[in-house]
Amino acid sequence: MQMMKEEAFFPATAMPDSDWWHALWPDPEGMLRALGIGPGLEVVDLCCGDGHFTAPLARLVAPGRAIGFDLDPAMLAESRRVCANCTNCLWIEGDAMTLSQLVTYPVDCVLMANTFHGVAKPTVLAREVVQVLKPGGRFIIVNWYPLPREETPVLGQPRGPRTELRMSPEQTCAVVDPAGFELEELAELPPYHYGAIFKKRMVAT
């Protein structure tokens, strides 16, 4: 069972050291606002890691709810600690590839920050996401621009995933759209990221 869990982790998506990660994202709440996150929403922070985005997410969506979802129990425990003062959080331990089995009611939004580049079957994951969204719900992907890794320094060192793993907005759209989404907006997230905001496509009746 332990081996199966280790194999389920997405490649090159381990939680970064907090020093440069916090230097790269000094205002996570501002970033989330730029992506359209606001009061009353129910949002899944998919692969939430240590809660650096989950805590500000919970504050922004109140009286809505933030759902921290991660495969790693140690990361979930850290996220719980970071969000200790937030009363509108729910926690789910599980594999993102089985999201629709674990989130059993529709939500407004699924946020996936800095992890999509490691997904081996991104369209399959996007199909999981589309199943848990309300009509018109949104899938927000925060990705590194496909710059060479040596051109994305933070605190004097190259940071982020390997160059060959990085995805352009066009590449991201190409694997997400077939799952039932359409790109609604592309948000610039300086210095090295973009936010692709996908809307669940309405099904004709």
Protein backbone atom coordinates (compact mmCIF):
# COMPACT_ATOMS: atom_id res chain seq x y z
CA MET A 1 0.00 0.00 0.00
CA GLN A 2 2.83 2.41 0.81
CA MET A 3 4.42 1.79 -2.58
CA MET A 4 1.11 2.51 -4.31
CA LYS A 5 0.83 5.84 -2.47
CA GLU A 6 4.41 6.83 -3.39
CA GLU A 7 3.72 6.02 -7.04
CA ALA A 8 0.65 8.28 -6.92
CA PHE A 9 2.68 11.42 -6.14
CA PHE A 10 3.06 13.64 -9.20
CA PRO A 11 6.69 13.85 -10.41
CA ALA A 12 8.69 17.00 -9.65
CA THR A 13 5.99 18.44 -7.41
CA ALA A 14 7.52 18.08 -3.95
CA MET A 15 6.87 20.99 -1.59
CA PRO A 16 9.64 23.58 -2.07
CA ASP A 17 11.75 24.99 0.74
CA SER A 18 9.67 27.61 2.52
CA ASP A 19 12.28 30.37 2.26
CA TRP A 20 12.29 30.78 -1.50
CA TRP A 21 8.67 29.69 -1.86
CA HIS A 22 7.48 32.51 0.41
CA ALA A 23 9.82 34.91 -1.39
CA LEU A 24 8.25 33.90 -4.71
CA TRP A 25 4.70 34.17 -3.36
CA PRO A 26 4.81 36.98 -0.78
CA ASP A 27 1.14 37.88 -1.31
CA PRO A 28 -0.82 34.67 -1.91
CA GLU A 29 -4.09 36.41 -1.07
CA GLY A 30 -3.47 39.01 -3.77
CA MET A 31 -2.72 36.24 -6.25
CA LEU A 32 -5.98 34.48 -5.42
CA ARG A 33 -7.93 37.73 -5.80
CA ALA A 34 -6.39 38.15 -9.25
CA LEU A 35 -7.80 34.73 -10.13
CA GLY A 36 -11.34 35.73 -9.20
CA ILE A 37 -11.55 34.01 -5.81
CA GLY A 38 -14.03 35.75 -3.54
CA PRO A 39 -16.60 35.45 -0.73
CA GLY A 40 -19.12 32.63 -0.64
CA LEU A 41 -17.34 30.20 -2.92
CA GLU A 42 -16.63 26.57 -2.13
CA VAL A 43 -13.14 25.89 -3.47
CA VAL A 44 -10.99 22.76 -3.53
CA ASP A 45 -7.28 23.50 -3.10
CA LEU A 46 -6.10 20.44 -5.02
CA CYS A 47 -2.66 19.22 -3.93
CA CYS A 48 -2.70 21.89 -1.23
CA GLY A 49 0.72 21.05 0.20
CA ASP A 50 1.70 23.03 3.30
CA GLY A 51 -1.29 25.38 3.18
CA HIS A 52 0.52 28.48 1.87
CA PHE A 53 -2.45 29.13 -0.43
CA THR A 54 -5.11 27.31 1.62
CA ALA A 55 -5.12 29.74 4.56
CA PRO A 56 -5.59 32.90 2.45
CA LEU A 57 -8.08 30.99 0.32
CA ALA A 58 -10.15 30.22 3.41
CA ARG A 59 -10.09 33.87 4.46
CA LEU A 60 -11.14 35.06 1.01
CA VAL A 61 -14.04 32.66 0.48
CA ALA A 62 -15.62 33.04 3.95
CA PRO A 63 -18.48 32.42 4.59
CA GLY A 64 -17.79 29.84 1.86
CA ARG A 65 -15.43 26.95 2.41
CA ALA A 66 -11.89 25.92 1.47
CA ILE A 67 -11.27 22.20 0.98
CA GLY A 68 -7.63 21.20 1.37
CA PHE A 69 -6.95 18.05 -0.65
CA ASP A 70 -3.61 16.25 -0.68
CA LEU A 71 -2.20 12.73 -0.88
CA ASP A 72 0.50 13.36 1.72
CA PRO A 73 -0.77 13.16 5.33
CA ALA A 74 2.25 15.12 6.58
CA MET A 75 1.45 17.99 4.23
CA LEU A 76 -2.21 17.91 5.24
CA ALA A 77 -1.18 18.08 8.89
CA GLU A 78 0.99 21.13 8.17
CA SER A 79 -1.83 22.74 6.19
CA ARG A 80 -4.20 22.16 9.11
CA ARG A 81 -1.69 23.85 11.41
CA VAL A 82 -1.34 26.86 9.11
CA CYS A 83 -5.14 27.12 8.89
CA ALA A 84 -5.74 26.64 12.61
CA ASN A 85 -7.48 30.02 12.92
CA CYS A 86 -9.80 29.33 9.99
CA THR A 87 -13.15 27.77 10.84
CA ASN A 88 -14.30 27.16 7.26
CA CYS A 89 -11.86 24.43 6.18
CA LEU A 90 -12.44 20.80 5.28
CA TRP A 91 -9.62 18.30 4.76
CA ILE A 92 -9.48 15.33 2.41
CA GLU A 93 -6.56 12.92 2.10
CA GLY A 94 -6.53 11.19 -1.24
CA ASP A 95 -5.25 10.77 -4.79
CA ALA A 96 -6.16 13.64 -7.12
CA MET A 97 -6.84 11.08 -9.85
CA THR A 98 -9.81 9.85 -7.81
CA LEU A 99 -11.10 13.33 -6.94
CA SER A 100 -14.68 12.68 -8.01
CA GLN A 101 -14.92 9.71 -5.65
CA LEU A 102 -13.81 11.78 -2.65
CA VAL A 103 -15.50 15.13 -3.24
CA THR A 104 -19.07 13.91 -3.31
CA TYR A 105 -20.98 17.17 -3.87
CA PRO A 106 -20.52 19.95 -6.44
CA VAL A 107 -18.19 22.86 -5.74
CA ASP A 108 -17.68 26.25 -7.35
CA CYS A 109 -14.00 25.99 -8.14
CA VAL A 110 -10.97 23.71 -8.12
CA LEU A 111 -7.60 25.43 -7.73
CA MET A 112 -4.40 23.60 -8.67
CA ALA A 113 -1.26 25.65 -8.10
CA ASN A 114 2.24 24.69 -9.23
CA THR A 115 1.46 20.98 -9.64
CA PHE A 116 -0.23 20.48 -13.01
CA HIS A 117 3.13 20.19 -14.79
CA GLY A 118 3.75 16.86 -13.04
CA VAL A 119 0.48 15.17 -13.98
CA ALA A 120 1.11 12.17 -16.24
CA LYS A 121 -2.46 12.07 -17.57
CA PRO A 122 -3.65 15.68 -17.42
CA THR A 123 -6.84 15.21 -19.46
CA VAL A 124 -7.87 12.33 -17.19
CA LEU A 125 -7.34 14.58 -14.18
CA ALA A 126 -9.32 17.38 -15.83
CA ARG A 127 -12.20 14.92 -16.33
CA GLU A 128 -12.10 14.20 -12.60
CA VAL A 129 -12.26 17.92 -11.91
CA VAL A 130 -15.16 18.59 -14.28
CA GLN A 131 -17.24 15.98 -12.46
CA VAL A 132 -17.06 17.80 -9.11
CA LEU A 133 -17.86 21.28 -10.43
CA LYS A 134 -21.22 22.98 -10.43
CA PRO A 135 -22.57 24.11 -13.82
CA GLY A 136 -20.33 26.96 -14.92
CA GLY A 137 -17.77 26.08 -12.25
CA ARG A 138 -14.10 26.91 -12.74
CA PHE A 139 -10.84 24.99 -12.85
CA ILE A 140 -7.94 27.34 -12.11
CA ILE A 141 -4.42 26.16 -12.95
CA VAL A 142 -1.39 28.16 -11.81
CA ASN A 143 1.59 27.16 -13.95
CA TRP A 144 5.17 28.22 -14.50
CA TYR A 145 5.71 29.80 -17.91
CA PRO A 146 7.92 27.58 -20.11
CA LEU A 147 11.07 29.60 -19.47
CA PRO A 148 14.41 27.81 -19.04
CA ARG A 149 14.87 26.98 -15.38
CA GLU A 150 18.03 29.04 -15.19
CA GLU A 151 15.94 32.09 -16.15
CA THR A 152 13.59 31.76 -13.17
CA PRO A 153 15.77 32.53 -10.15
CA VAL A 154 14.46 33.18 -6.66
CA LEU A 155 16.86 34.27 -3.90
CA GLY A 156 19.75 33.88 -6.32
CA GLN A 157 19.13 30.27 -7.37
CA PRO A 158 17.26 28.69 -10.31
CA ARG A 159 13.88 27.49 -9.05
CA GLY A 160 10.85 25.55 -10.19
CA PRO A 161 10.33 22.38 -12.22
CA ARG A 162 12.73 21.18 -14.88
CA THR A 163 12.54 23.15 -18.11
CA GLU A 164 11.10 20.23 -20.09
CA LEU A 165 8.17 19.85 -17.67
CA ARG A 166 6.93 23.42 -18.01
CA MET A 167 3.79 24.04 -20.03
CA SER A 168 2.75 27.00 -22.14
CA PRO A 169 -0.83 28.27 -21.85
CA GLU A 170 -1.50 26.69 -25.24
CA GLN A 171 -0.24 23.31 -24.06
CA THR A 172 -2.36 23.56 -20.93
CA CYS A 173 -5.47 24.40 -22.95
CA ALA A 174 -4.81 21.50 -25.32
CA VAL A 175 -5.06 18.94 -22.52
CA VAL A 176 -7.78 20.59 -20.43
CA ASP A 177 -10.30 21.62 -23.10
CA PRO A 178 -11.16 18.04 -24.18
CA ALA A 179 -12.36 17.27 -20.65
CA GLY A 180 -15.27 19.68 -21.00
CA PHE A 181 -13.74 23.10 -20.35
CA GLU A 182 -13.23 26.34 -22.20
CA LEU A 183 -10.59 28.95 -21.37
CA GLU A 184 -12.27 31.96 -19.81
CA GLU A 185 -9.26 34.08 -18.89
CA LEU A 186 -5.48 33.99 -18.74
CA ALA A 187 -4.17 35.96 -15.76
CA GLU A 188 -0.58 37.17 -15.53
CA LEU A 189 1.07 36.25 -12.21
CA PRO A 190 4.51 37.88 -12.21
CA PRO A 191 7.29 37.15 -12.25
CA TYR A 192 7.14 33.62 -13.71
CA HIS A 193 3.57 32.28 -13.64
CA TYR A 194 0.22 32.48 -15.33
CA GLY A 195 -3.22 31.49 -14.11
CA ALA A 196 -5.38 29.66 -16.66
CA ILE A 197 -9.03 30.03 -15.64
CA PHE A 198 -11.20 27.39 -17.30
CA LYS A 199 -14.98 27.36 -17.15
CA LYS A 200 -16.98 24.15 -17.21
CA ARG A 201 -18.62 23.96 -20.59
CA MET A 202 -22.40 24.01 -20.55
CA VAL A 203 -23.96 20.87 -21.98
CA ALA A 204 -26.76 21.47 -24.47
CA THR A 205 -30.08 19.95 -23.47
